[in-house]
C-alpha atoms as a PDB file:
ATOM      1  CA  MET A   1      54.467  24.337 -16.001  1.00  0.00           C
ATOM      2  CA  HIS A   2      52.833  23.436 -19.310  1.00  0.00           C
ATOM      3  CA  SER A   3      53.325  19.713 -18.585  1.00  0.00           C
ATOM      4  CA  VAL A   4      51.394  20.113 -15.318  1.00  0.00           C
ATOM      5  CA  VAL A   5      48.561  22.283 -16.656  1.00  0.00           C
ATOM      6  CA  GLN A   6      47.791  20.136 -19.686  1.00  0.00           C
ATOM      7  CA  PRO A   7      47.035  16.866 -17.773  1.00  0.00           C
ATOM      8  CA  ALA A   8      44.972  18.862 -15.271  1.00  0.00           C
ATOM      9  CA  TRP A   9      42.948  20.434 -18.101  1.00  0.00           C
ATOM     10  CA  GLN A  10      42.473  17.071 -19.757  1.00  0.00           C
ATOM     11  CA  ALA A  11      41.174  15.627 -16.488  1.00  0.00           C
ATOM     12  CA  TYR A  12      38.760  18.552 -16.106  1.00  0.00           C
ATOM     13  CA  ALA A  13      37.568  18.254 -19.706  1.00  0.00           C
ATOM     14  CA  CYS A  14      36.622  14.605 -19.282  1.00  0.00           C
ATOM     15  CA  ILE A  15      34.348  15.314 -16.289  1.00  0.00           C
ATOM     16  CA  PRO A  16      31.219  15.868 -18.429  1.00  0.00           C
ATOM     17  CA  THR A  17      31.791  12.491 -20.100  1.00  0.00           C
ATOM     18  CA  ILE A  18      32.151  10.815 -16.704  1.00  0.00           C
ATOM     19  CA  VAL A  19      29.017  12.555 -15.417  1.00  0.00           C
ATOM     20  CA  LYS A  20      27.046  11.518 -18.482  1.00  0.00           C
ATOM     21  CA  GLY A  21      28.179   7.953 -17.898  1.00  0.00           C
ATOM     22  CA  LEU A  22      26.944   8.092 -14.300  1.00  0.00           C
ATOM     23  CA  PHE A  23      23.578   9.420 -15.432  1.00  0.00           C
ATOM     24  CA  MET A  24      23.293   6.614 -17.985  1.00  0.00           C
ATOM     25  CA  LEU A  25      24.291   4.072 -15.343  1.00  0.00           C
ATOM     26  CA  LEU A  26      21.565   5.349 -13.019  1.00  0.00           C
ATOM     27  CA  LEU A  27      19.032   5.087 -15.849  1.00  0.00           C
ATOM     28  CA  VAL A  28      20.144   1.557 -16.763  1.00  0.00           C
ATOM     29  CA  LEU A  29      20.044   0.371 -13.142  1.00  0.00           C
ATOM     30  CA  GLY A  30      16.584   1.869 -12.738  1.00  0.00           C
ATOM     31  CA  LEU A  31      15.370   0.098 -15.871  1.00  0.00           C
ATOM     32  CA  LEU A  32      16.805  -3.204 -14.655  1.00  0.00           C
ATOM     33  CA  VAL A  33      15.002  -2.888 -11.319  1.00  0.00           C
ATOM     34  CA  PHE A  34      11.713  -1.530 -12.683  1.00  0.00           C
ATOM     35  CA  LEU A  35      11.387  -3.786 -15.715  1.00  0.00           C
ATOM     36  CA  GLY A  36      12.836  -6.724 -13.799  1.00  0.00           C
ATOM     37  CA  THR A  37      10.027  -6.577 -11.253  1.00  0.00           C
ATOM     38  CA  HIS A  38       7.508  -6.378 -14.081  1.00  0.00           C
ATOM     39  CA  SER A  39       9.023  -9.287 -15.998  1.00  0.00           C
ATOM     40  CA  LEU A  40       8.274 -12.161 -13.633  1.00  0.00           C
ATOM     41  CA  ARG A  41       5.656 -13.581 -15.993  1.00  0.00           C
ATOM     42  CA  ILE A  42       7.597 -13.287 -19.232  1.00  0.00           C
ATOM     43  CA  ALA A  43       9.374 -16.619 -18.721  1.00  0.00           C
ATOM     44  CA  GLY A  44       6.312 -18.191 -17.105  1.00  0.00           C
ATOM     45  CA  ASP A  45       4.585 -18.125 -13.725  1.00  0.00           C
ATOM     46  CA  ALA A  46       6.934 -20.515 -11.909  1.00  0.00           C
ATOM     47  CA  LEU A  47       9.215 -17.792 -10.488  1.00  0.00           C
ATOM     48  CA  ARG A  48       6.313 -15.586  -9.414  1.00  0.00           C
ATOM     49  CA  VAL A  49       4.449 -18.487  -7.800  1.00  0.00           C
ATOM     50  CA  GLY A  50       7.648 -19.589  -6.037  1.00  0.00           C
ATOM     51  CA  LEU A  51       8.274 -16.103  -4.639  1.00  0.00           C
ATOM     52  CA  ILE A  52       4.678 -15.807  -3.421  1.00  0.00           C
ATOM     53  CA  ALA A  53       4.952 -19.210  -1.727  1.00  0.00           C
ATOM     54  CA  GLN A  54       8.253 -18.234  -0.105  1.00  0.00           C
ATOM     55  CA  LEU A  55       7.362 -14.704   1.002  1.00  0.00           C
ATOM     56  CA  GLY A  56       3.603 -14.918   1.364  1.00  0.00           C
ATOM     57  CA  PRO A  57       1.107 -12.887  -0.717  1.00  0.00           C
ATOM     58  CA  MET A  58       1.220  -9.717   1.400  1.00  0.00           C
ATOM     59  CA  ARG A  59       4.999  -9.609   1.762  1.00  0.00           C
ATOM     60  CA  PHE A  60       5.407 -10.362  -1.945  1.00  0.00           C
ATOM     61  CA  LYS A  61       3.135  -7.437  -2.842  1.00  0.00           C
ATOM     62  CA  MET A  62       5.036  -5.150  -0.481  1.00  0.00           C
ATOM     63  CA  VAL A  63       8.456  -6.115  -1.878  1.00  0.00           C
ATOM     64  CA  TYR A  64       7.114  -5.894  -5.435  1.00  0.00           C
ATOM     65  CA  THR A  65       5.655  -2.427  -4.834  1.00  0.00           C
ATOM     66  CA  VAL A  66       8.749  -1.048  -3.098  1.00  0.00           C
ATOM     67  CA  ALA A  67      11.070  -2.409  -5.797  1.00  0.00           C
ATOM     68  CA  SER A  68       8.840  -1.034  -8.556  1.00  0.00           C
ATOM     69  CA  LEU A  69       8.678   2.432  -6.995  1.00  0.00           C
ATOM     70  CA  PHE A  70      12.424   2.443  -6.328  1.00  0.00           C
ATOM     71  CA  GLY A  71      13.204   1.418  -9.901  1.00  0.00           C
ATOM     72  CA  PHE A  72      10.718   3.900 -11.332  1.00  0.00           C
ATOM     73  CA  SER A  73      12.246   6.731  -9.284  1.00  0.00           C
ATOM     74  CA  MET A  74      15.705   5.836 -10.553  1.00  0.00           C
ATOM     75  CA  VAL A  75      14.430   5.772 -14.146  1.00  0.00           C
ATOM     76  CA  VAL A  76      12.733   9.166 -13.854  1.00  0.00           C
ATOM     77  CA  TYR A  77      15.690  10.818 -12.128  1.00  0.00           C
ATOM     78  CA  GLY A  78      18.343   9.177 -14.311  1.00  0.00           C
ATOM     79  CA  PHE A  79      16.490   9.947 -17.523  1.00  0.00           C
ATOM     80  CA  GLY A  80      15.944  13.550 -16.482  1.00  0.00           C
ATOM     81  CA  LEU A  81      19.643  14.043 -15.801  1.00  0.00           C
ATOM     82  CA  ALA A  82      20.697  12.212 -18.960  1.00  0.00           C
ATOM     83  CA  ARG A  83      18.271  14.262 -21.043  1.00  0.00           C
ATOM     84  CA  ASP A  84      19.851  17.470 -19.741  1.00  0.00           C
ATOM     85  CA  THR A  85      23.268  16.288 -20.983  1.00  0.00           C
ATOM     86  CA  PRO A  86      22.252  14.582 -24.243  1.00  0.00           C
ATOM     87  CA  VAL A  87      24.394  12.315 -26.386  1.00  0.00           C
ATOM     88  CA  VAL A  88      22.914  12.595 -29.882  1.00  0.00           C
ATOM     89  CA  LEU A  89      22.923   9.495 -32.090  1.00  0.00           C
ATOM     90  CA  TRP A  90      21.013  10.564 -35.205  1.00  0.00           C
ATOM     91  CA  THR A  91      18.652  13.191 -36.608  1.00  0.00           C
ATOM     92  CA  PRO A  92      15.049  11.954 -36.898  1.00  0.00           C
ATOM     93  CA  LEU A  93      13.169  12.640 -40.107  1.00  0.00           C
ATOM     94  CA  SER A  94      10.735  15.534 -39.785  1.00  0.00           C
ATOM     95  CA  ALA A  95       7.886  13.188 -40.722  1.00  0.00           C
ATOM     96  CA  MET A  96       8.555  11.155 -37.572  1.00  0.00           C
ATOM     97  CA  LYS A  97       6.941  13.926 -35.543  1.00  0.00           C
ATOM     98  CA  TYR A  98       3.590  13.233 -37.190  1.00  0.00           C
ATOM     99  CA  VAL A  99       4.049   9.470 -37.010  1.00  0.00           C
ATOM    100  CA  SER A 100       4.662   9.935 -33.291  1.00  0.00           C
ATOM    101  CA  TYR A 101       1.429  11.930 -32.945  1.00  0.00           C
ATOM    102  CA  LEU A 102      -0.522   9.106 -34.581  1.00  0.00           C
ATOM    103  CA  LEU A 103       1.116   6.386 -32.498  1.00  0.00           C
ATOM    104  CA  THR A 104       0.541   8.232 -29.221  1.00  0.00           C
ATOM    105  CA  LEU A 105      -3.122   8.595 -30.193  1.00  0.00           C
ATOM    106  CA  VAL A 106      -3.322   4.832 -30.684  1.00  0.00           C
ATOM    107  CA  ALA A 107      -1.556   4.349 -27.343  1.00  0.00           C
ATOM    108  CA  MET A 108      -4.133   6.514 -25.580  1.00  0.00           C
ATOM    109  CA  VAL A 109      -6.985   4.540 -27.134  1.00  0.00           C
ATOM    110  CA  PHE A 110      -5.378   1.320 -25.891  1.00  0.00           C
ATOM    111  CA  MET A 111      -5.005   2.908 -22.453  1.00  0.00           C
ATOM    112  CA  ALA A 112      -8.689   3.815 -22.384  1.00  0.00           C
ATOM    113  CA  ALA A 113      -9.525   0.254 -23.454  1.00  0.00           C
ATOM    114  CA  VAL A 114      -8.063  -1.035 -20.187  1.00  0.00           C
ATOM    115  CA  TYR A 115     -10.851   0.589 -18.175  1.00  0.00           C
ATOM    116  CA  VAL A 116     -13.917   0.456 -20.444  1.00  0.00           C
ATOM    117  CA  PRO A 117     -15.576  -2.970 -20.148  1.00  0.00           C
ATOM    118  CA  ARG A 118     -16.441  -5.057 -23.212  1.00  0.00           C
ATOM    119  CA  ASN A 119     -14.790  -2.864 -25.831  1.00  0.00           C
ATOM    120  CA  ALA A 120     -13.517  -4.473 -29.049  1.00  0.00           C
ATOM    121  CA  PHE A 121      -9.866  -3.656 -28.361  1.00  0.00           C
ATOM    122  CA  LYS A 122      -9.812  -5.578 -25.088  1.00  0.00           C
ATOM    123  CA  VAL A 123     -11.922  -8.444 -26.445  1.00  0.00           C
ATOM    124  CA  LYS A 124      -9.755  -8.946 -29.533  1.00  0.00           C
ATOM    125  CA  LEU A 125      -6.293  -8.063 -28.221  1.00  0.00           C
ATOM    126  CA  HIS A 126      -6.702  -9.028 -24.527  1.00  0.00           C
ATOM    127  CA  HIS A 127      -3.889  -6.869 -23.144  1.00  0.00           C
ATOM    128  CA  PRO A 128      -4.407  -3.220 -24.159  1.00  0.00           C
ATOM    129  CA  MET A 129      -2.219  -1.872 -21.346  1.00  0.00           C
ATOM    130  CA  VAL A 130       0.848  -3.690 -22.672  1.00  0.00           C
ATOM    131  CA  LEU A 131      -0.022  -2.613 -26.215  1.00  0.00           C
ATOM    132  CA  SER A 132      -0.354   0.972 -25.002  1.00  0.00           C
ATOM    133  CA  VAL A 133       3.156   0.896 -23.539  1.00  0.00           C
ATOM    134  CA  LYS A 134       4.528  -0.733 -26.699  1.00  0.00           C
ATOM    135  CA  THR A 135       2.947   1.834 -29.026  1.00  0.00           C
ATOM    136  CA  TRP A 136       3.906   4.751 -26.773  1.00  0.00           C
ATOM    137  CA  ALA A 137       7.521   3.547 -26.564  1.00  0.00           C
ATOM    138  CA  LEU A 138       7.749   3.109 -30.333  1.00  0.00           C
ATOM    139  CA  ALA A 139       6.368   6.615 -30.892  1.00  0.00           C
ATOM    140  CA  HIS A 140       9.011   8.190 -28.673  1.00  0.00           C
ATOM    141  CA  LEU A 141      11.788   6.016 -30.046  1.00  0.00           C
ATOM    142  CA  LEU A 142      11.046   7.179 -33.599  1.00  0.00           C
ATOM    143  CA  ALA A 143      10.798  10.861 -32.702  1.00  0.00           C
ATOM    144  CA  ASN A 144      13.899  11.241 -30.502  1.00  0.00           C
ATOM    145  CA  ASP A 145      17.606  11.000 -31.114  1.00  0.00           C
ATOM    146  CA  THR A 146      19.680  10.523 -27.942  1.00  0.00           C
ATOM    147  CA  VAL A 147      21.228   7.611 -26.084  1.00  0.00           C
ATOM    148  CA  ALA A 148      18.933   8.242 -23.109  1.00  0.00           C
ATOM    149  CA  HIS A 149      15.826   7.977 -25.294  1.00  0.00           C
ATOM    150  CA  LEU A 150      17.165   4.839 -26.955  1.00  0.00           C
ATOM    151  CA  LEU A 151      17.837   3.193 -23.594  1.00  0.00           C
ATOM    152  CA  LEU A 152      14.492   4.139 -22.051  1.00  0.00           C
ATOM    153  CA  PHE A 153      12.089   3.634 -24.921  1.00  0.00           C
ATOM    154  CA  GLY A 154      14.028   0.808 -26.547  1.00  0.00           C
ATOM    155  CA  SER A 155      13.952  -1.122 -23.260  1.00  0.00           C
ATOM    156  CA  LEU A 156      10.238  -0.455 -22.791  1.00  0.00           C
ATOM    157  CA  LEU A 157       9.522  -1.524 -26.358  1.00  0.00           C
ATOM    158  CA  LEU A 158      11.436  -4.795 -26.006  1.00  0.00           C
ATOM    159  CA  TRP A 159       9.865  -5.499 -22.614  1.00  0.00           C
ATOM    160  CA  SER A 160       6.329  -4.878 -23.873  1.00  0.00           C
ATOM    161  CA  VAL A 161       6.842  -7.072 -26.947  1.00  0.00           C
ATOM    162  CA  LEU A 162       8.062  -9.965 -24.791  1.00  0.00           C
ATOM    163  CA  LEU A 163       5.351  -9.464 -22.163  1.00  0.00           C
ATOM    164  CA  PHE A 164       2.564  -9.300 -24.746  1.00  0.00           C
ATOM    165  CA  LYS A 165       3.789 -12.511 -26.346  1.00  0.00           C
ATOM    166  CA  ALA A 166       3.990 -14.262 -22.967  1.00  0.00           C
ATOM    167  CA  SER A 167       0.577 -12.960 -21.907  1.00  0.00           C
ATOM    168  CA  ARG A 168      -1.126 -14.139 -25.098  1.00  0.00           C
ATOM    169  CA  ALA A 169       0.518 -17.540 -24.730  1.00  0.00           C
ATOM    170  CA  ARG A 170      -0.801 -17.755 -21.154  1.00  0.00           C
ATOM    171  CA  ASP A 171      -4.297 -16.803 -22.334  1.00  0.00           C
ATOM    172  CA  LYS A 172      -4.186 -19.568 -24.924  1.00  0.00           C
ATOM    173  CA  ARG A 173      -2.860 -22.072 -22.424  1.00  0.00           C
ATOM    174  CA  GLU A 174      -5.576 -21.213 -19.901  1.00  0.00           C
ATOM    175  CA  GLN A 175      -8.240 -20.929 -22.637  1.00  0.00           C
ATOM    176  CA  LEU A 176      -9.178 -17.495 -21.358  1.00  0.00           C
ATOM    177  CA  VAL A 177     -12.300 -15.957 -22.928  1.00  0.00           C
ATOM    178  CA  TYR A 178     -12.924 -12.209 -22.820  1.00  0.00           C
ATOM    179  CA  GLY A 179     -16.571 -12.263 -23.870  1.00  0.00           C
ATOM    180  CA  SER A 180     -18.173 -10.298 -26.664  1.00  0.00           C
ATOM    181  CA  ALA A 181     -17.660  -6.652 -27.549  1.00  0.00           C
ATOM    182  CA  LYS A 182     -20.294  -3.908 -27.502  1.00  0.00           C
ATOM    183  CA  MET A 183     -20.331  -1.168 -30.130  1.00  0.00           C
ATOM    184  CA  ALA A 184     -21.216   1.477 -27.528  1.00  0.00           C
ATOM    185  CA  SER A 185     -18.257   0.464 -25.366  1.00  0.00           C
ATOM    186  CA  THR A 186     -15.890   0.575 -28.330  1.00  0.00           C
ATOM    187  CA  ILE A 187     -17.091   4.041 -29.372  1.00  0.00           C
ATOM    188  CA  LEU A 188     -16.758   5.260 -25.773  1.00  0.00           C
ATOM    189  CA  THR A 189     -13.209   3.882 -25.688  1.00  0.00           C
ATOM    190  CA  LEU A 190     -12.328   5.809 -28.841  1.00  0.00           C
ATOM    191  CA  GLU A 191     -13.860   9.017 -27.485  1.00  0.00           C
ATOM    192  CA  ILE A 192     -12.018   8.755 -24.165  1.00  0.00           C
ATOM    193  CA  GLY A 193      -8.755   7.897 -25.922  1.00  0.00           C
ATOM    194  CA  VAL A 194      -8.971  10.888 -28.261  1.00  0.00           C
ATOM    195  CA  ALA A 195      -9.867  13.207 -25.372  1.00  0.00           C
ATOM    196  CA  MET A 196      -6.933  11.929 -23.294  1.00  0.00           C
ATOM    197  CA  TRP A 197      -4.612  12.369 -26.268  1.00  0.00           C
ATOM    198  CA  LEU A 198      -5.702  15.965 -26.880  1.00  0.00           C
ATOM    199  CA  VAL A 199      -5.225  16.884 -23.223  1.00  0.00           C
ATOM    200  CA  TRP A 200      -1.872  15.101 -23.120  1.00  0.00           C
ATOM    201  CA  ILE A 201      -0.269  16.677 -26.184  1.00  0.00           C
ATOM    202  CA  GLY A 202      -1.945  20.051 -25.665  1.00  0.00           C
ATOM    203  CA  TRP A 203      -1.078  20.578 -22.010  1.00  0.00           C
ATOM    204  CA  VAL A 204       0.048  17.692 -19.775  1.00  0.00           C
ATOM    205  CA  HIS A 205       3.177  16.743 -21.742  1.00  0.00           C
ATOM    206  CA  GLY A 206       4.490  20.309 -21.642  1.00  0.00           C
ATOM    207  CA  TRP A 207       3.627  20.732 -17.959  1.00  0.00           C
ATOM    208  CA  LEU A 208       4.838  17.341 -16.714  1.00  0.00           C
ATOM    209  CA  ILE A 209       7.713  16.509 -19.093  1.00  0.00           C
ATOM    210  CA  VAL A 210       8.645  20.175 -19.758  1.00  0.00           C
ATOM    211  CA  VAL A 211       8.656  19.490 -23.510  1.00  0.00           C
ATOM    212  CA  GLN A 212       5.896  21.125 -25.541  1.00  0.00           C
ATOM    213  CA  VAL A 213       5.006  18.803 -28.421  1.00  0.00           C
ATOM    214  CA  PHE A 214       2.027  20.607 -29.934  1.00  0.00           C
ATOM    215  CA  PRO A 215       1.561  22.798 -31.854  1.00  0.00           C
END
């Protein structure tokens, strides 16, 4: 009897490990689809131009949008499940919490810079959206400690680094000029970024992510 019960118990005990692996697999597949669709320009424009020529502009946009939404849904669902069954890798330093606050503030300023015309951040750096993702990913990577966080934010960080490099190289190749910056626009960008950050850490993050980060 003991010889029968023990293998059965061992099989039952390994179920959480198997489930965690499935959650991680879902997250990884989602990242491959989502980041893959957003990586067409990292190696150059040849692949993107070829796909547009083959599918047509409208069909390309439709396929791109559907794939992006599908991948994003997989990432959100897979990460949520993986976060509920965490595999801890390390213990972050307590100071990383405050470093994360600062980096997310910078990320919000970069995000605001995308939409405010002629601000210094966009004029000097050219791609504030990519920089926002990179800074945001780094902030969360430093402040968290699980495999799921490493996969999600590590992938986003690597993707944004490569995309920013490719985008700046394309700007240089095409001799793209962003014009001159206005002080008023830069100040407005900072004000909007700080306001977004305060709302995000004070309310939205806890409501949307179900993790209260402040106070």
